[in-house]
Amino acid sequence: MFNFHIHQYPKHFYNSLTLKLNKIMATLSDLEVKIAELQATVDAEQAQIEILVKSQTETIVGLEAQIAELKAMLEGAPTPEQIQAVVDSLEVIKTDISGTIPDASEEAPF
């Protein structure tokens, strides 16, 4: 540690030290204000990020639920072959019904 007495130095040296010390203290005060402002900005940004992450997480959970529902629907859905068999059956019924109705181009015997 330094051991000195102010009275050992000339008055202008003391005044110069005082001015420099005051300038350093003012700079430190300015830095503290800027640090506090920066911390407030960081806190606000972190809050926004937290909201966005929560929203994305909720969206992902919702999409996963929809995917699970669609997969369940697909598991119970008929195969293309089953669908074609139904279409073929409907075509047979349509042909059968069409065969019992006279063609509109033929004249009715009234």
PDB file of N, CA and C in Angstrom:
ATOM      1  N   MET A   1       0.828  -1.180   0.000  1.00  0.00           N
ATOM      2  CA  MET A   1       0.000   0.000   0.000  1.00  0.00           C
ATOM      3  C   MET A   1       0.877   1.250   0.000  1.00  0.00           C
ATOM      4  N   PHE A   2       0.250   2.275  -0.541  1.00  0.00           N
ATOM      5  CA  PHE A   2       0.975   3.541  -0.570  1.00  0.00           C
ATOM      6  C   PHE A   2       0.674   4.325   0.697  1.00  0.00           C
ATOM      7  N   ASN A   3       1.683   4.922   1.193  1.00  0.00           N
ATOM      8  CA  ASN A   3       1.506   5.750   2.381  1.00  0.00           C
ATOM      9  C   ASN A   3       2.011   7.145   2.029  1.00  0.00           C
ATOM     10  N   PHE A   4       1.075   8.042   1.790  1.00  0.00           N
ATOM     11  CA  PHE A   4       1.491   9.400   1.463  1.00  0.00           C
ATOM     12  C   PHE A   4       0.512  10.374   2.103  1.00  0.00           C
ATOM     13  N   HIS A   5       0.992  11.558   2.256  1.00  0.00           N
ATOM     14  CA  HIS A   5       0.171  12.625   2.838  1.00  0.00           C
ATOM     15  C   HIS A   5      -0.008  13.696   1.780  1.00  0.00           C
ATOM     16  N   ILE A   6      -1.212  14.202   1.717  1.00  0.00           N
ATOM     17  CA  ILE A   6      -1.524  15.220   0.723  1.00  0.00           C
ATOM     18  C   ILE A   6      -0.635  16.449   0.907  1.00  0.00           C
ATOM     19  N   HIS A   7      -0.248  16.733   2.122  1.00  0.00           N
ATOM     20  CA  HIS A   7       0.522  17.941   2.385  1.00  0.00           C
ATOM     21  C   HIS A   7       1.943  17.843   1.834  1.00  0.00           C
ATOM     22  N   GLN A   8       2.375  16.672   1.450  1.00  0.00           N
ATOM     23  CA  GLN A   8       3.715  16.503   0.897  1.00  0.00           C
ATOM     24  C   GLN A   8       3.797  16.995  -0.546  1.00  0.00           C
ATOM     25  N   TYR A   9       2.659  17.106  -1.235  1.00  0.00           N
ATOM     26  CA  TYR A   9       2.642  17.461  -2.657  1.00  0.00           C
ATOM     27  C   TYR A   9       2.167  18.896  -2.838  1.00  0.00           C
ATOM     28  N   PRO A  10       2.583  19.496  -3.935  1.00  0.00           N
ATOM     29  CA  PRO A  10       2.137  20.875  -4.197  1.00  0.00           C
ATOM     30  C   PRO A  10       0.626  20.929  -4.424  1.00  0.00           C
ATOM     31  N   LYS A  11       0.048  22.082  -4.186  1.00  0.00           N
ATOM     32  CA  LYS A  11      -1.391  22.269  -4.292  1.00  0.00           C
ATOM     33  C   LYS A  11      -1.898  21.998  -5.712  1.00  0.00           C
ATOM     34  N   HIS A  12      -1.164  22.360  -6.749  1.00  0.00           N
ATOM     35  CA  HIS A  12      -1.616  22.138  -8.134  1.00  0.00           C
ATOM     36  C   HIS A  12      -1.696  20.631  -8.433  1.00  0.00           C
ATOM     37  N   PHE A  13      -0.796  19.871  -7.833  1.00  0.00           N
ATOM     38  CA  PHE A  13      -0.843  18.416  -8.009  1.00  0.00           C
ATOM     39  C   PHE A  13      -2.121  17.856  -7.360  1.00  0.00           C
ATOM     40  N   TYR A  14      -2.425  18.357  -6.173  1.00  0.00           N
ATOM     41  CA  TYR A  14      -3.642  17.950  -5.469  1.00  0.00           C
ATOM     42  C   TYR A  14      -4.876  18.320  -6.280  1.00  0.00           C
ATOM     43  N   ASN A  15      -4.887  19.546  -6.825  1.00  0.00           N
ATOM     44  CA  ASN A  15      -6.031  19.994  -7.630  1.00  0.00           C
ATOM     45  C   ASN A  15      -6.170  19.131  -8.901  1.00  0.00           C
ATOM     46  N   SER A  16      -5.056  18.804  -9.498  1.00  0.00           N
ATOM     47  CA  SER A  16      -5.071  17.976 -10.704  1.00  0.00           C
ATOM     48  C   SER A  16      -5.625  16.573 -10.385  1.00  0.00           C
ATOM     49  N   LEU A  17      -5.164  16.019  -9.269  1.00  0.00           N
ATOM     50  CA  LEU A  17      -5.683  14.706  -8.849  1.00  0.00           C
ATOM     51  C   LEU A  17      -7.178  14.760  -8.560  1.00  0.00           C
ATOM     52  N   THR A  18      -7.607  15.830  -7.928  1.00  0.00           N
ATOM     53  CA  THR A  18      -9.016  15.988  -7.599  1.00  0.00           C
ATOM     54  C   THR A  18      -9.852  16.066  -8.876  1.00  0.00           C
ATOM     55  N   LEU A  19      -9.368  16.833  -9.846  1.00  0.00           N
ATOM     56  CA  LEU A  19     -10.093  16.946 -11.118  1.00  0.00           C
ATOM     57  C   LEU A  19     -10.161  15.598 -11.840  1.00  0.00           C
ATOM     58  N   LYS A  20      -9.047  14.885 -11.858  1.00  0.00           N
ATOM     59  CA  LYS A  20      -9.016  13.576 -12.515  1.00  0.00           C
ATOM     60  C   LYS A  20      -9.928  12.584 -11.791  1.00  0.00           C
ATOM     61  N   LEU A  21      -9.891  12.635 -10.477  1.00  0.00           N
ATOM     62  CA  LEU A  21     -10.749  11.746  -9.692  1.00  0.00           C
ATOM     63  C   LEU A  21     -12.218  12.063  -9.935  1.00  0.00           C
ATOM     64  N   ASN A  22     -12.559  13.342  -9.986  1.00  0.00           N
ATOM     65  CA  ASN A  22     -13.949  13.743 -10.268  1.00  0.00           C
ATOM     66  C   ASN A  22     -14.378  13.284 -11.662  1.00  0.00           C
ATOM     67  N   LYS A  23     -13.459  13.393 -12.623  1.00  0.00           N
ATOM     68  CA  LYS A  23     -13.766  12.957 -13.987  1.00  0.00           C
ATOM     69  C   LYS A  23     -13.974  11.443 -14.022  1.00  0.00           C
ATOM     70  N   ILE A  24     -13.123  10.715 -13.323  1.00  0.00           N
ATOM     71  CA  ILE A  24     -13.266   9.247 -13.259  1.00  0.00           C
ATOM     72  C   ILE A  24     -14.599   8.879 -12.604  1.00  0.00           C
ATOM     73  N   MET A  25     -14.948   9.553 -11.527  1.00  0.00           N
ATOM     74  CA  MET A  25     -16.202   9.269 -10.828  1.00  0.00           C
ATOM     75  C   MET A  25     -17.412   9.582 -11.730  1.00  0.00           C
ATOM     76  N   ALA A  26     -17.326  10.674 -12.480  1.00  0.00           N
ATOM     77  CA  ALA A  26     -18.413  11.016 -13.397  1.00  0.00           C
ATOM     78  C   ALA A  26     -18.526   9.963 -14.492  1.00  0.00           C
ATOM     79  N   THR A  27     -17.373   9.511 -14.990  1.00  0.00           N
ATOM     80  CA  THR A  27     -17.369   8.466 -16.020  1.00  0.00           C
ATOM     81  C   THR A  27     -17.960   7.173 -15.465  1.00  0.00           C
ATOM     82  N   LEU A  28     -17.596   6.842 -14.241  1.00  0.00           N
ATOM     83  CA  LEU A  28     -18.154   5.651 -13.603  1.00  0.00           C
ATOM     84  C   LEU A  28     -19.667   5.769 -13.431  1.00  0.00           C
ATOM     85  N   SER A  29     -20.115   6.948 -13.047  1.00  0.00           N
ATOM     86  CA  SER A  29     -21.564   7.168 -12.899  1.00  0.00           C
ATOM     87  C   SER A  29     -22.272   7.002 -14.237  1.00  0.00           C
ATOM     88  N   ASP A  30     -21.679   7.565 -15.291  1.00  0.00           N
ATOM     89  CA  ASP A  30     -22.255   7.415 -16.639  1.00  0.00           C
ATOM     90  C   ASP A  30     -22.302   5.939 -17.040  1.00  0.00           C
ATOM     91  N   LEU A  31     -21.218   5.227 -16.756  1.00  0.00           N
ATOM     92  CA  LEU A  31     -21.177   3.800 -17.089  1.00  0.00           C
ATOM     93  C   LEU A  31     -22.236   3.021 -16.312  1.00  0.00           C
ATOM     94  N   GLU A  32     -22.428   3.356 -15.045  1.00  0.00           N
ATOM     95  CA  GLU A  32     -23.451   2.672 -14.253  1.00  0.00           C
ATOM     96  C   GLU A  32     -24.847   2.893 -14.833  1.00  0.00           C
ATOM     97  N   VAL A  33     -25.115   4.117 -15.294  1.00  0.00           N
ATOM     98  CA  VAL A  33     -26.404   4.423 -15.920  1.00  0.00           C
ATOM     99  C   VAL A  33     -26.566   3.617 -17.203  1.00  0.00           C
ATOM    100  N   LYS A  34     -25.519   3.592 -18.015  1.00  0.00           N
ATOM    101  CA  LYS A  34     -25.588   2.852 -19.278  1.00  0.00           C
ATOM    102  C   LYS A  34     -25.715   1.353 -19.031  1.00  0.00           C
ATOM    103  N   ILE A  35     -25.042   0.845 -18.022  1.00  0.00           N
ATOM    104  CA  ILE A  35     -25.165  -0.573 -17.682  1.00  0.00           C
ATOM    105  C   ILE A  35     -26.589  -0.888 -17.239  1.00  0.00           C
ATOM    106  N   ALA A  36     -27.182  -0.016 -16.439  1.00  0.00           N
ATOM    107  CA  ALA A  36     -28.556  -0.221 -15.998  1.00  0.00           C
ATOM    108  C   ALA A  36     -29.516  -0.206 -17.194  1.00  0.00           C
ATOM    109  N   GLU A  37     -29.306   0.721 -18.141  1.00  0.00           N
ATOM    110  CA  GLU A  37     -30.137   0.774 -19.345  1.00  0.00           C
ATOM    111  C   GLU A  37     -29.957  -0.484 -20.177  1.00  0.00           C
ATOM    112  N   LEU A  38     -28.719  -0.934 -20.322  1.00  0.00           N
ATOM    113  CA  LEU A  38     -28.446  -2.146 -21.078  1.00  0.00           C
ATOM    114  C   LEU A  38     -29.104  -3.359 -20.421  1.00  0.00           C
ATOM    115  N   GLN A  39     -29.033  -3.432 -19.090  1.00  0.00           N
ATOM    116  CA  GLN A  39     -29.660  -4.544 -18.384  1.00  0.00           C
ATOM    117  C   GLN A  39     -31.170  -4.539 -18.588  1.00  0.00           C
ATOM    118  N   ALA A  40     -31.775  -3.353 -18.573  1.00  0.00           N
ATOM    119  CA  ALA A  40     -33.220  -3.251 -18.810  1.00  0.00           C
ATOM    120  C   ALA A  40     -33.558  -3.724 -20.219  1.00  0.00           C
ATOM    121  N   THR A  41     -32.737  -3.359 -21.196  1.00  0.00           N
ATOM    122  CA  THR A  41     -32.961  -3.798 -22.576  1.00  0.00           C
ATOM    123  C   THR A  41     -32.815  -5.308 -22.690  1.00  0.00           C
ATOM    124  N   VAL A  42     -31.791  -5.862 -22.072  1.00  0.00           N
ATOM    125  CA  VAL A  42     -31.574  -7.309 -22.104  1.00  0.00           C
ATOM    126  C   VAL A  42     -32.750  -8.030 -21.445  1.00  0.00           C
ATOM    127  N   ASP A  43     -33.206  -7.514 -20.308  1.00  0.00           N
ATOM    128  CA  ASP A  43     -34.348  -8.129 -19.620  1.00  0.00           C
ATOM    129  C   ASP A  43     -35.598  -8.124 -20.497  1.00  0.00           C
ATOM    130  N   ALA A  44     -35.835  -7.002 -21.186  1.00  0.00           N
ATOM    131  CA  ALA A  44     -37.001  -6.914 -22.071  1.00  0.00           C
ATOM    132  C   ALA A  44     -36.880  -7.892 -23.229  1.00  0.00           C
ATOM    133  N   GLU A  45     -35.687  -7.993 -23.801  1.00  0.00           N
ATOM    134  CA  GLU A  45     -35.471  -8.937 -24.905  1.00  0.00           C
ATOM    135  C   GLU A  45     -35.652 -10.376 -24.442  1.00  0.00           C
ATOM    136  N   GLN A  46     -35.149 -10.687 -23.262  1.00  0.00           N
ATOM    137  CA  GLN A  46     -35.302 -12.033 -22.728  1.00  0.00           C
ATOM    138  C   GLN A  46     -36.776 -12.363 -22.503  1.00  0.00           C
ATOM    139  N   ALA A  47     -37.547 -11.392 -22.053  1.00  0.00           N
ATOM    140  CA  ALA A  47     -38.982 -11.606 -21.864  1.00  0.00           C
ATOM    141  C   ALA A  47     -39.656 -11.894 -23.202  1.00  0.00           C
ATOM    142  N   GLN A  48     -39.283 -11.153 -24.237  1.00  0.00           N
ATOM    143  CA  GLN A  48     -39.847 -11.377 -25.567  1.00  0.00           C
ATOM    144  C   GLN A  48     -39.462 -12.761 -26.099  1.00  0.00           C
ATOM    145  N   ILE A  49     -38.211 -13.123 -25.890  1.00  0.00           N
ATOM    146  CA  ILE A  49     -37.756 -14.449 -26.339  1.00  0.00           C
ATOM    147  C   ILE A  49     -38.531 -15.541 -25.614  1.00  0.00           C
ATOM    148  N   GLU A  50     -38.742 -15.362 -24.325  1.00  0.00           N
ATOM    149  CA  GLU A  50     -39.495 -16.355 -23.552  1.00  0.00           C
ATOM    150  C   GLU A  50     -40.918 -16.505 -24.087  1.00  0.00           C
ATOM    151  N   ILE A  51     -41.548 -15.387 -24.426  1.00  0.00           N
ATOM    152  CA  ILE A  51     -42.904 -15.429 -24.983  1.00  0.00           C
ATOM    153  C   ILE A  51     -42.900 -16.167 -26.325  1.00  0.00           C
ATOM    154  N   LEU A  52     -41.927 -15.862 -27.187  1.00  0.00           N
ATOM    155  CA  LEU A  52     -41.843 -16.510 -28.494  1.00  0.00           C
ATOM    156  C   LEU A  52     -41.586 -18.005 -28.362  1.00  0.00           C
ATOM    157  N   VAL A  53     -40.696 -18.387 -27.451  1.00  0.00           N
ATOM    158  CA  VAL A  53     -40.396 -19.804 -27.260  1.00  0.00           C
ATOM    159  C   VAL A  53     -41.637 -20.528 -26.744  1.00  0.00           C
ATOM    160  N   LYS A  54     -42.355 -19.917 -25.810  1.00  0.00           N
ATOM    161  CA  LYS A  54     -43.578 -20.528 -25.282  1.00  0.00           C
ATOM    162  C   LYS A  54     -44.607 -20.696 -26.393  1.00  0.00           C
ATOM    163  N   SER A  55     -44.753 -19.675 -27.224  1.00  0.00           N
ATOM    164  CA  SER A  55     -45.700 -19.730 -28.339  1.00  0.00           C
ATOM    165  C   SER A  55     -45.309 -20.826 -29.321  1.00  0.00           C
ATOM    166  N   GLN A  56     -44.022 -20.908 -29.648  1.00  0.00           N
ATOM    167  CA  GLN A  56     -43.565 -21.943 -30.573  1.00  0.00           C
ATOM    168  C   GLN A  56     -43.773 -23.332 -29.977  1.00  0.00           C
ATOM    169  N   THR A  57     -43.517 -23.465 -28.695  1.00  0.00           N
ATOM    170  CA  THR A  57     -43.697 -24.756 -28.036  1.00  0.00           C
ATOM    171  C   THR A  57     -45.169 -25.171 -28.098  1.00  0.00           C
ATOM    172  N   GLU A  58     -46.072 -24.227 -27.834  1.00  0.00           N
ATOM    173  CA  GLU A  58     -47.498 -24.524 -27.908  1.00  0.00           C
ATOM    174  C   GLU A  58     -47.891 -24.905 -29.334  1.00  0.00           C
ATOM    175  N   THR A  59     -47.354 -24.205 -30.318  1.00  0.00           N
ATOM    176  CA  THR A  59     -47.648 -24.518 -31.720  1.00  0.00           C
ATOM    177  C   THR A  59     -47.151 -25.912 -32.074  1.00  0.00           C
ATOM    178  N   ILE A  60     -45.951 -26.238 -31.639  1.00  0.00           N
ATOM    179  CA  ILE A  60     -45.384 -27.563 -31.933  1.00  0.00           C
ATOM    180  C   ILE A  60     -46.226 -28.657 -31.290  1.00  0.00           C
ATOM    181  N   VAL A  61     -46.641 -28.453 -30.051  1.00  0.00           N
ATOM    182  CA  VAL A  61     -47.479 -29.443 -29.362  1.00  0.00           C
ATOM    183  C   VAL A  61     -48.794 -29.623 -30.117  1.00  0.00           C
ATOM    184  N   GLY A  62     -49.384 -28.524 -30.570  1.00  0.00           N
ATOM    185  CA  GLY A  62     -50.621 -28.597 -31.337  1.00  0.00           C
ATOM    186  C   GLY A  62     -50.435 -29.340 -32.652  1.00  0.00           C
ATOM    187  N   LEU A  63     -49.338 -29.058 -33.339  1.00  0.00           N
ATOM    188  CA  LEU A  63     -49.064 -29.743 -34.602  1.00  0.00           C
ATOM    189  C   LEU A  63     -48.808 -31.237 -34.379  1.00  0.00           C
ATOM    190  N   GLU A  64     -48.108 -31.571 -33.309  1.00  0.00           N
ATOM    191  CA  GLU A  64     -47.872 -32.984 -33.010  1.00  0.00           C
ATOM    192  C   GLU A  64     -49.186 -33.710 -32.748  1.00  0.00           C
ATOM    193  N   ALA A  65     -50.123 -33.039 -32.073  1.00  0.00           N
ATOM    194  CA  ALA A  65     -51.431 -33.640 -31.817  1.00  0.00           C
ATOM    195  C   ALA A  65     -52.188 -33.849 -33.129  1.00  0.00           C
ATOM    196  N   GLN A  66     -52.126 -32.868 -34.025  1.00  0.00           N
ATOM    197  CA  GLN A  66     -52.792 -33.007 -35.328  1.00  0.00           C
ATOM    198  C   GLN A  66     -52.169 -34.131 -36.145  1.00  0.00           C
ATOM    199  N   ILE A  67     -50.856 -34.241 -36.096  1.00  0.00           N
ATOM    200  CA  ILE A  67     -50.177 -35.320 -36.821  1.00  0.00           C
ATOM    201  C   ILE A  67     -50.615 -36.672 -36.278  1.00  0.00           C
ATOM    202  N   ALA A  68     -50.710 -36.779 -34.964  1.00  0.00           N
ATOM    203  CA  ALA A  68     -51.143 -38.041 -34.354  1.00  0.00           C
ATOM    204  C   ALA A  68     -52.573 -38.389 -34.782  1.00  0.00           C
ATOM    205  N   GLU A  69     -53.446 -37.367 -34.824  1.00  0.00           N
ATOM    206  CA  GLU A  69     -54.829 -37.600 -35.263  1.00  0.00           C
ATOM    207  C   GLU A  69     -54.863 -38.063 -36.718  1.00  0.00           C
ATOM    208  N   LEU A  70     -54.082 -37.420 -37.576  1.00  0.00           N
ATOM    209  CA  LEU A  70     -54.056 -37.801 -38.988  1.00  0.00           C
ATOM    210  C   LEU A  70     -53.506 -39.218 -39.164  1.00  0.00           C
ATOM    211  N   LYS A  71     -52.479 -39.560 -38.400  1.00  0.00           N
ATOM    212  CA  LYS A  71     -51.940 -40.918 -38.481  1.00  0.00           C
ATOM    213  C   LYS A  71     -52.990 -41.942 -38.061  1.00  0.00           C
ATOM    214  N   ALA A  72     -53.744 -41.622 -37.002  1.00  0.00           N
ATOM    215  CA  ALA A  72     -54.794 -42.529 -36.548  1.00  0.00           C
ATOM    216  C   ALA A  72     -55.870 -42.683 -37.615  1.00  0.00           C
ATOM    217  N   MET A  73     -56.193 -41.574 -38.281  1.00  0.00           N
ATOM    218  CA  MET A  73     -57.193 -41.646 -39.355  1.00  0.00           C
ATOM    219  C   MET A  73     -56.682 -42.514 -40.507  1.00  0.00           C
ATOM    220  N   LEU A  74     -55.403 -42.352 -40.837  1.00  0.00           N
ATOM    221  CA  LEU A  74     -54.833 -43.123 -41.938  1.00  0.00           C
ATOM    222  C   LEU A  74     -54.759 -44.618 -41.618  1.00  0.00           C
ATOM    223  N   GLU A  75     -54.515 -44.930 -40.349  1.00  0.00           N
ATOM    224  CA  GLU A  75     -54.435 -46.333 -39.966  1.00  0.00           C
ATOM    225  C   GLU A  75     -55.785 -47.022 -40.146  1.00  0.00           C
ATOM    226  N   GLY A  76     -56.870 -46.291 -39.967  1.00  0.00           N
ATOM    227  CA  GLY A  76     -58.202 -46.871 -40.119  1.00  0.00           C
ATOM    228  C   GLY A  76     -58.783 -46.687 -41.510  1.00  0.00           C
ATOM    229  N   ALA A  77     -58.071 -45.991 -42.364  1.00  0.00           N
ATOM    230  CA  ALA A  77     -58.579 -45.697 -43.712  1.00  0.00           C
ATOM    231  C   ALA A  77     -58.476 -46.940 -44.602  1.00  0.00           C
ATOM    232  N   PRO A  78     -59.372 -47.030 -45.568  1.00  0.00           N
ATOM    233  CA  PRO A  78     -59.319 -48.177 -46.485  1.00  0.00           C
ATOM    234  C   PRO A  78     -58.112 -48.082 -47.415  1.00  0.00           C
ATOM    235  N   THR A  79     -57.699 -49.220 -47.900  1.00  0.00           N
ATOM    236  CA  THR A  79     -56.583 -49.272 -48.849  1.00  0.00           C
ATOM    237  C   THR A  79     -57.095 -48.851 -50.226  1.00  0.00           C
ATOM    238  N   PRO A  80     -56.197 -48.519 -51.134  1.00  0.00           N
ATOM    239  CA  PRO A  80     -56.630 -48.177 -52.499  1.00  0.00           C
ATOM    240  C   PRO A  80     -57.402 -49.324 -53.158  1.00  0.00           C
ATOM    241  N   GLU A  81     -57.009 -50.544 -52.845  1.00  0.00           N
ATOM    242  CA  GLU A  81     -57.711 -51.700 -53.422  1.00  0.00           C
ATOM    243  C   GLU A  81     -59.146 -51.782 -52.905  1.00  0.00           C
ATOM    244  N   GLN A  82     -59.333 -51.501 -51.612  1.00  0.00           N
ATOM    245  CA  GLN A  82     -60.682 -51.517 -51.044  1.00  0.00           C
ATOM    246  C   GLN A  82     -61.544 -50.418 -51.661  1.00  0.00           C
ATOM    247  N   ILE A  83     -60.959 -49.265 -51.855  1.00  0.00           N
ATOM    248  CA  ILE A  83     -61.701 -48.151 -52.473  1.00  0.00           C
ATOM    249  C   ILE A  83     -62.082 -48.524 -53.901  1.00  0.00           C
ATOM    250  N   GLN A  84     -61.156 -49.104 -54.648  1.00  0.00           N
ATOM    251  CA  GLN A  84     -61.444 -49.500 -56.032  1.00  0.00           C
ATOM    252  C   GLN A  84     -62.551 -50.550 -56.064  1.00  0.00           C
ATOM    253  N   ALA A  85     -62.575 -51.472 -55.122  1.00  0.00           N
ATOM    254  CA  ALA A  85     -63.625 -52.492 -55.074  1.00  0.00           C
ATOM    255  C   ALA A  85     -64.989 -51.849 -54.860  1.00  0.00           C
ATOM    256  N   VAL A  86     -65.059 -50.826 -54.006  1.00  0.00           N
ATOM    257  CA  VAL A  86     -66.324 -50.115 -53.775  1.00  0.00           C
ATOM    258  C   VAL A  86     -66.737 -49.380 -55.042  1.00  0.00           C
ATOM    259  N   VAL A  87     -65.787 -48.714 -55.702  1.00  0.00           N
ATOM    260  CA  VAL A  87     -66.087 -47.997 -56.942  1.00  0.00           C
ATOM    261  C   VAL A  87     -66.597 -48.980 -57.995  1.00  0.00           C
ATOM    262  N   ASP A  88     -65.953 -50.126 -58.113  1.00  0.00           N
ATOM    263  CA  ASP A  88     -66.389 -51.137 -59.083  1.00  0.00           C
ATOM    264  C   ASP A  88     -67.802 -51.619 -58.776  1.00  0.00           C
ATOM    265  N   SER A  89     -68.095 -51.830 -57.494  1.00  0.00           N
ATOM    266  CA  SER A  89     -69.443 -52.262 -57.098  1.00  0.00           C
ATOM    267  C   SER A  89     -70.474 -51.199 -57.453  1.00  0.00           C
ATOM    268  N   LEU A  90     -70.124 -49.938 -57.230  1.00  0.00           N
ATOM    269  CA  LEU A  90     -71.043 -48.856 -57.572  1.00  0.00           C
ATOM    270  C   LEU A  90     -71.257 -48.779 -59.089  1.00  0.00           C
ATOM    271  N   GLU A  91     -70.212 -49.032 -59.851  1.00  0.00           N
ATOM    272  CA  GLU A  91     -70.337 -49.037 -61.315  1.00  0.00           C
ATOM    273  C   GLU A  91     -71.287 -50.152 -61.766  1.00  0.00           C
ATOM    274  N   VAL A  92     -71.207 -51.326 -61.149  1.00  0.00           N
ATOM    275  CA  VAL A  92     -72.100 -52.444 -61.485  1.00  0.00           C
ATOM    276  C   VAL A  92     -73.539 -52.074 -61.174  1.00  0.00           C
ATOM    277  N   ILE A  93     -73.744 -51.461 -60.000  1.00  0.00           N
ATOM    278  CA  ILE A  93     -75.107 -51.053 -59.624  1.00  0.00           C
ATOM    279  C   ILE A  93     -75.614 -49.999 -60.589  1.00  0.00           C
ATOM    280  N   LYS A  94     -74.783 -49.042 -60.963  1.00  0.00           N
ATOM    281  CA  LYS A  94     -75.165 -47.988 -61.905  1.00  0.00           C
ATOM    282  C   LYS A  94     -75.551 -48.607 -63.250  1.00  0.00           C
ATOM    283  N   THR A  95     -74.775 -49.544 -63.729  1.00  0.00           N
ATOM    284  CA  THR A  95     -75.055 -50.206 -65.003  1.00  0.00           C
ATOM    285  C   THR A  95     -76.369 -50.976 -64.928  1.00  0.00           C
ATOM    286  N   ASP A  96     -76.575 -51.651 -63.817  1.00  0.00           N
ATOM    287  CA  ASP A  96     -77.806 -52.411 -63.623  1.00  0.00           C
ATOM    288  C   ASP A  96     -79.023 -51.486 -63.628  1.00  0.00           C
ATOM    289  N   ILE A  97     -78.923 -50.372 -62.927  1.00  0.00           N
ATOM    290  CA  ILE A  97     -80.035 -49.417 -62.879  1.00  0.00           C
ATOM    291  C   ILE A  97     -80.245 -48.790 -64.256  1.00  0.00           C
ATOM    292  N   SER A  98     -79.154 -48.449 -64.915  1.00  0.00           N
ATOM    293  CA  SER A  98     -79.266 -47.849 -66.244  1.00  0.00           C
ATOM    294  C   SER A  98     -79.939 -48.810 -67.219  1.00  0.00           C
ATOM    295  N   GLY A  99     -79.724 -50.100 -67.045  1.00  0.00           N
ATOM    296  CA  GLY A  99     -80.337 -51.093 -67.933  1.00  0.00           C
ATOM    297  C   GLY A  99     -81.832 -51.219 -67.737  1.00  0.00           C
ATOM    298  N   THR A 100     -82.331 -50.836 -66.591  1.00  0.00           N
ATOM    299  CA  THR A 100     -83.773 -50.940 -66.342  1.00  0.00           C
ATOM    300  C   THR A 100     -84.522 -49.687 -66.747  1.00  0.00           C
ATOM    301  N   ILE A 101     -83.820 -48.599 -67.013  1.00  0.00           N
ATOM    302  CA  ILE A 101     -84.472 -47.351 -67.422  1.00  0.00           C
ATOM    303  C   ILE A 101     -84.294 -47.227 -68.920  1.00  0.00           C
ATOM    304  N   PRO A 102     -85.398 -46.977 -69.651  1.00  0.00           N
ATOM    305  CA  PRO A 102     -85.263 -46.819 -71.099  1.00  0.00           C
ATOM    306  C   PRO A 102     -84.409 -45.604 -71.435  1.00  0.00           C
ATOM    307  N   ASP A 103     -83.683 -45.694 -72.517  1.00  0.00           N
ATOM    308  CA  ASP A 103     -82.827 -44.613 -72.968  1.00  0.00           C
ATOM    309  C   ASP A 103     -83.705 -43.419 -73.311  1.00  0.00           C
ATOM    310  N   ALA A 104     -83.294 -42.262 -72.934  1.00  0.00           N
ATOM    311  CA  ALA A 104     -84.087 -41.041 -73.166  1.00  0.00           C
ATOM    312  C   ALA A 104     -84.226 -40.760 -74.649  1.00  0.00           C
ATOM    313  N   SER A 105     -83.341 -41.270 -75.485  1.00  0.00           N
ATOM    314  CA  SER A 105     -83.427 -41.025 -76.919  1.00  0.00           C
ATOM    315  C   SER A 105     -84.513 -41.891 -77.559  1.00  0.00           C
ATOM    316  N   GLU A 106     -84.882 -42.983 -76.888  1.00  0.00           N
ATOM    317  CA  GLU A 106     -85.974 -43.806 -77.414  1.00  0.00           C
ATOM    318  C   GLU A 106     -87.293 -43.142 -77.064  1.00  0.00           C
ATOM    319  N   GLU A 107     -88.242 -43.256 -77.973  1.00  0.00           N
ATOM    320  CA  GLU A 107     -89.549 -42.650 -77.747  1.00  0.00           C
ATOM    321  C   GLU A 107     -90.355 -43.535 -76.820  1.00  0.00           C
ATOM    322  N   ALA A 108     -91.050 -42.906 -75.936  1.00  0.00           N
ATOM    323  CA  ALA A 108     -91.924 -43.669 -75.041  1.00  0.00           C
ATOM    324  C   ALA A 108     -93.155 -44.109 -75.826  1.00  0.00           C
ATOM    325  N   PRO A 109     -93.642 -45.353 -75.580  1.00  0.00           N
ATOM    326  CA  PRO A 109     -94.781 -45.855 -76.365  1.00  0.00           C
ATOM    327  C   PRO A 109     -96.117 -45.324 -75.862  1.00  0.00           C
ATOM    328  N   PHE A 110     -96.337 -44.143 -75.666  1.00  0.00           N
ATOM    329  CA  PHE A 110     -97.614 -43.603 -75.206  1.00  0.00           C
ATOM    330  C   PHE A 110     -98.464 -43.203 -76.325  1.00  0.00           C
TER     331      PHE A 110
END
